[in-house]
N, C-alpha and C. Protein backbone atom coordinates (compact mmCIF):
# COMPACT_ATOMS: atom_id res chain seq x y z
N UNK A 1 -50.56 28.59 24.90
CA UNK A 1 -49.26 29.23 24.84
C UNK A 1 -48.33 28.63 25.89
N UNK A 2 -48.88 28.25 27.05
CA UNK A 2 -48.04 27.65 28.07
C UNK A 2 -47.38 26.39 27.52
N UNK A 3 -48.15 25.56 26.84
CA UNK A 3 -47.62 24.32 26.26
C UNK A 3 -46.67 24.62 25.12
N UNK A 4 -47.05 25.52 24.25
CA UNK A 4 -46.21 25.83 23.08
C UNK A 4 -44.85 26.37 23.48
N UNK A 5 -44.82 27.16 24.55
CA UNK A 5 -43.57 27.75 25.01
C UNK A 5 -42.91 26.93 26.11
N UNK A 6 -43.56 25.85 26.53
CA UNK A 6 -43.05 24.97 27.59
C UNK A 6 -42.68 25.76 28.84
N UNK A 7 -43.62 26.62 29.27
CA UNK A 7 -43.41 27.46 30.45
C UNK A 7 -44.49 27.19 31.49
N UNK A 8 -44.11 27.30 32.76
CA UNK A 8 -45.06 27.18 33.86
C UNK A 8 -45.79 28.51 34.11
N UNK A 9 -45.12 29.61 33.76
CA UNK A 9 -45.74 30.93 33.91
C UNK A 9 -45.37 31.79 32.71
N UNK A 10 -46.25 32.72 32.40
CA UNK A 10 -46.03 33.63 31.28
C UNK A 10 -46.27 35.06 31.71
N UNK A 11 -45.46 35.94 31.19
CA UNK A 11 -45.58 37.37 31.41
C UNK A 11 -46.72 37.89 30.54
N UNK A 12 -47.47 38.82 31.04
CA UNK A 12 -48.58 39.40 30.28
C UNK A 12 -48.10 39.92 28.93
N UNK A 13 -46.89 40.44 28.87
CA UNK A 13 -46.37 40.98 27.62
C UNK A 13 -46.15 39.88 26.58
N UNK A 14 -45.79 38.69 27.03
CA UNK A 14 -45.67 37.56 26.11
C UNK A 14 -47.05 37.21 25.57
N UNK A 15 -48.05 37.24 26.46
CA UNK A 15 -49.41 36.97 26.04
C UNK A 15 -49.91 38.03 25.06
N UNK A 16 -49.49 39.27 25.25
CA UNK A 16 -49.87 40.34 24.33
C UNK A 16 -49.37 40.06 22.91
N UNK A 17 -48.24 39.39 22.79
CA UNK A 17 -47.70 39.09 21.46
C UNK A 17 -48.68 38.29 20.62
N UNK A 18 -49.56 37.56 21.30
CA UNK A 18 -50.60 36.81 20.58
C UNK A 18 -51.52 37.77 19.84
N UNK A 19 -51.66 38.98 20.36
CA UNK A 19 -52.52 39.98 19.74
C UNK A 19 -51.81 40.85 18.73
N UNK A 20 -50.50 40.67 18.61
CA UNK A 20 -49.74 41.50 17.68
C UNK A 20 -49.67 42.94 18.14
N UNK A 21 -49.53 43.85 17.22
CA UNK A 21 -49.39 45.27 17.53
C UNK A 21 -50.71 46.03 17.53
N UNK A 22 -51.78 45.34 17.19
CA UNK A 22 -53.09 45.98 17.13
C UNK A 22 -53.60 46.25 18.54
N UNK A 23 -53.85 47.51 18.89
CA UNK A 23 -54.32 47.84 20.24
C UNK A 23 -55.61 47.12 20.63
N UNK A 24 -56.53 46.96 19.69
CA UNK A 24 -57.78 46.27 19.99
C UNK A 24 -57.54 44.79 20.29
N UNK A 25 -56.62 44.18 19.56
CA UNK A 25 -56.29 42.78 19.80
C UNK A 25 -55.63 42.62 21.16
N UNK A 26 -54.77 43.55 21.54
CA UNK A 26 -54.12 43.50 22.85
C UNK A 26 -55.16 43.66 23.96
N UNK A 27 -56.12 44.52 23.74
CA UNK A 27 -57.19 44.69 24.72
C UNK A 27 -57.98 43.39 24.85
N UNK A 28 -58.22 42.72 23.73
CA UNK A 28 -58.94 41.45 23.74
C UNK A 28 -58.14 40.40 24.52
N UNK A 29 -56.82 40.38 24.36
CA UNK A 29 -55.98 39.45 25.11
C UNK A 29 -56.08 39.76 26.60
N UNK A 30 -55.98 41.03 26.96
CA UNK A 30 -56.07 41.42 28.37
C UNK A 30 -57.42 41.01 28.95
N UNK A 31 -58.49 41.26 28.20
CA UNK A 31 -59.83 40.88 28.67
C UNK A 31 -59.94 39.37 28.85
N UNK A 32 -59.35 38.61 27.92
CA UNK A 32 -59.39 37.15 28.02
C UNK A 32 -58.62 36.67 29.25
N UNK A 33 -57.46 37.27 29.52
CA UNK A 33 -56.67 36.90 30.70
C UNK A 33 -57.47 37.19 31.96
N UNK A 34 -58.08 38.35 32.02
CA UNK A 34 -58.88 38.70 33.20
C UNK A 34 -60.05 37.74 33.38
N UNK A 35 -60.68 37.33 32.28
CA UNK A 35 -61.79 36.39 32.35
C UNK A 35 -61.31 35.02 32.84
N UNK A 36 -60.15 34.58 32.35
CA UNK A 36 -59.61 33.29 32.77
C UNK A 36 -59.22 33.30 34.25
N UNK A 37 -58.74 34.43 34.73
CA UNK A 37 -58.46 34.57 36.17
C UNK A 37 -59.77 34.48 36.95
N UNK A 38 -60.78 35.21 36.50
CA UNK A 38 -62.07 35.21 37.19
C UNK A 38 -62.70 33.82 37.20
N UNK A 39 -62.47 33.04 36.14
CA UNK A 39 -63.03 31.69 36.04
C UNK A 39 -62.18 30.65 36.78
N UNK A 40 -61.05 31.09 37.33
CA UNK A 40 -60.20 30.17 38.08
C UNK A 40 -59.29 29.31 37.24
N UNK A 41 -59.08 29.68 35.98
CA UNK A 41 -58.21 28.90 35.10
C UNK A 41 -56.78 29.42 35.10
N UNK A 42 -56.61 30.70 35.38
CA UNK A 42 -55.29 31.31 35.51
C UNK A 42 -55.15 31.90 36.89
N UNK A 43 -53.90 31.94 37.36
CA UNK A 43 -53.59 32.53 38.65
C UNK A 43 -52.60 33.67 38.43
N UNK A 44 -52.88 34.81 39.05
CA UNK A 44 -51.95 35.94 38.99
C UNK A 44 -50.82 35.66 39.97
N UNK A 45 -49.58 35.77 39.48
CA UNK A 45 -48.42 35.52 40.33
C UNK A 45 -47.76 36.81 40.79
N UNK A 46 -48.19 37.94 40.24
CA UNK A 46 -47.57 39.22 40.55
C UNK A 46 -46.62 39.63 39.43
N UNK A 47 -46.33 40.91 39.37
CA UNK A 47 -45.45 41.46 38.34
C UNK A 47 -45.86 41.06 36.93
N UNK A 48 -47.17 40.99 36.68
CA UNK A 48 -47.74 40.67 35.37
C UNK A 48 -47.46 39.25 34.90
N UNK A 49 -47.18 38.32 35.82
CA UNK A 49 -46.99 36.93 35.46
C UNK A 49 -48.24 36.13 35.84
N UNK A 50 -48.54 35.14 35.01
CA UNK A 50 -49.71 34.29 35.21
C UNK A 50 -49.31 32.84 35.01
N UNK A 51 -49.98 31.95 35.73
CA UNK A 51 -49.78 30.52 35.54
C UNK A 51 -51.14 29.83 35.50
N UNK A 52 -51.15 28.64 34.94
CA UNK A 52 -52.37 27.85 34.93
C UNK A 52 -52.63 27.31 36.33
N UNK A 53 -53.86 27.35 36.76
CA UNK A 53 -54.25 26.69 38.00
C UNK A 53 -54.42 25.20 37.69
N UNK A 54 -54.65 24.40 38.70
CA UNK A 54 -54.91 22.98 38.46
C UNK A 54 -56.14 22.83 37.55
N UNK A 55 -57.13 23.66 37.80
CA UNK A 55 -58.34 23.63 36.96
C UNK A 55 -57.98 24.01 35.52
N UNK A 56 -57.11 25.00 35.36
CA UNK A 56 -56.67 25.42 34.03
C UNK A 56 -55.89 24.33 33.32
N UNK A 57 -55.06 23.60 34.07
CA UNK A 57 -54.29 22.50 33.47
C UNK A 57 -55.23 21.39 32.99
N UNK A 58 -56.25 21.10 33.78
CA UNK A 58 -57.23 20.08 33.38
C UNK A 58 -57.98 20.53 32.13
N UNK A 59 -58.35 21.80 32.07
CA UNK A 59 -59.05 22.32 30.89
C UNK A 59 -58.14 22.25 29.67
N UNK A 60 -56.86 22.55 29.84
CA UNK A 60 -55.90 22.49 28.73
C UNK A 60 -55.75 21.06 28.23
N UNK A 61 -55.73 20.09 29.16
CA UNK A 61 -55.64 18.68 28.76
C UNK A 61 -56.87 18.28 27.95
N UNK A 62 -58.04 18.75 28.37
CA UNK A 62 -59.27 18.42 27.67
C UNK A 62 -59.24 18.97 26.24
N UNK A 63 -58.72 20.19 26.10
CA UNK A 63 -58.62 20.79 24.76
C UNK A 63 -57.64 19.99 23.90
N UNK A 64 -56.53 19.62 24.50
CA UNK A 64 -55.51 18.86 23.76
C UNK A 64 -56.09 17.53 23.28
N UNK A 65 -56.95 16.92 24.07
CA UNK A 65 -57.54 15.64 23.69
C UNK A 65 -58.54 15.74 22.55
N UNK A 66 -59.08 16.92 22.29
CA UNK A 66 -60.04 17.06 21.18
C UNK A 66 -59.41 17.66 19.94
N UNK A 67 -58.16 18.13 20.05
CA UNK A 67 -57.48 18.69 18.88
C UNK A 67 -57.08 17.55 17.94
N UNK A 68 -57.11 17.80 16.63
CA UNK A 68 -56.70 16.74 15.68
C UNK A 68 -55.23 16.43 15.78
């Protein structure tokens, strides 16, 4: 989403949009964000904003390189 929206940081509410209006999907997005923070791929910036860490940027590049 960071690449698609060309943003350095994203608000949690923007990330929730990936889950649509389904409460379970939003919970899954929240859980994924928390997991990515715990794994060091996302950094909490405060006020519900998150950015990719250097490790997260490298992981994103690796994914981009394997996408068709």
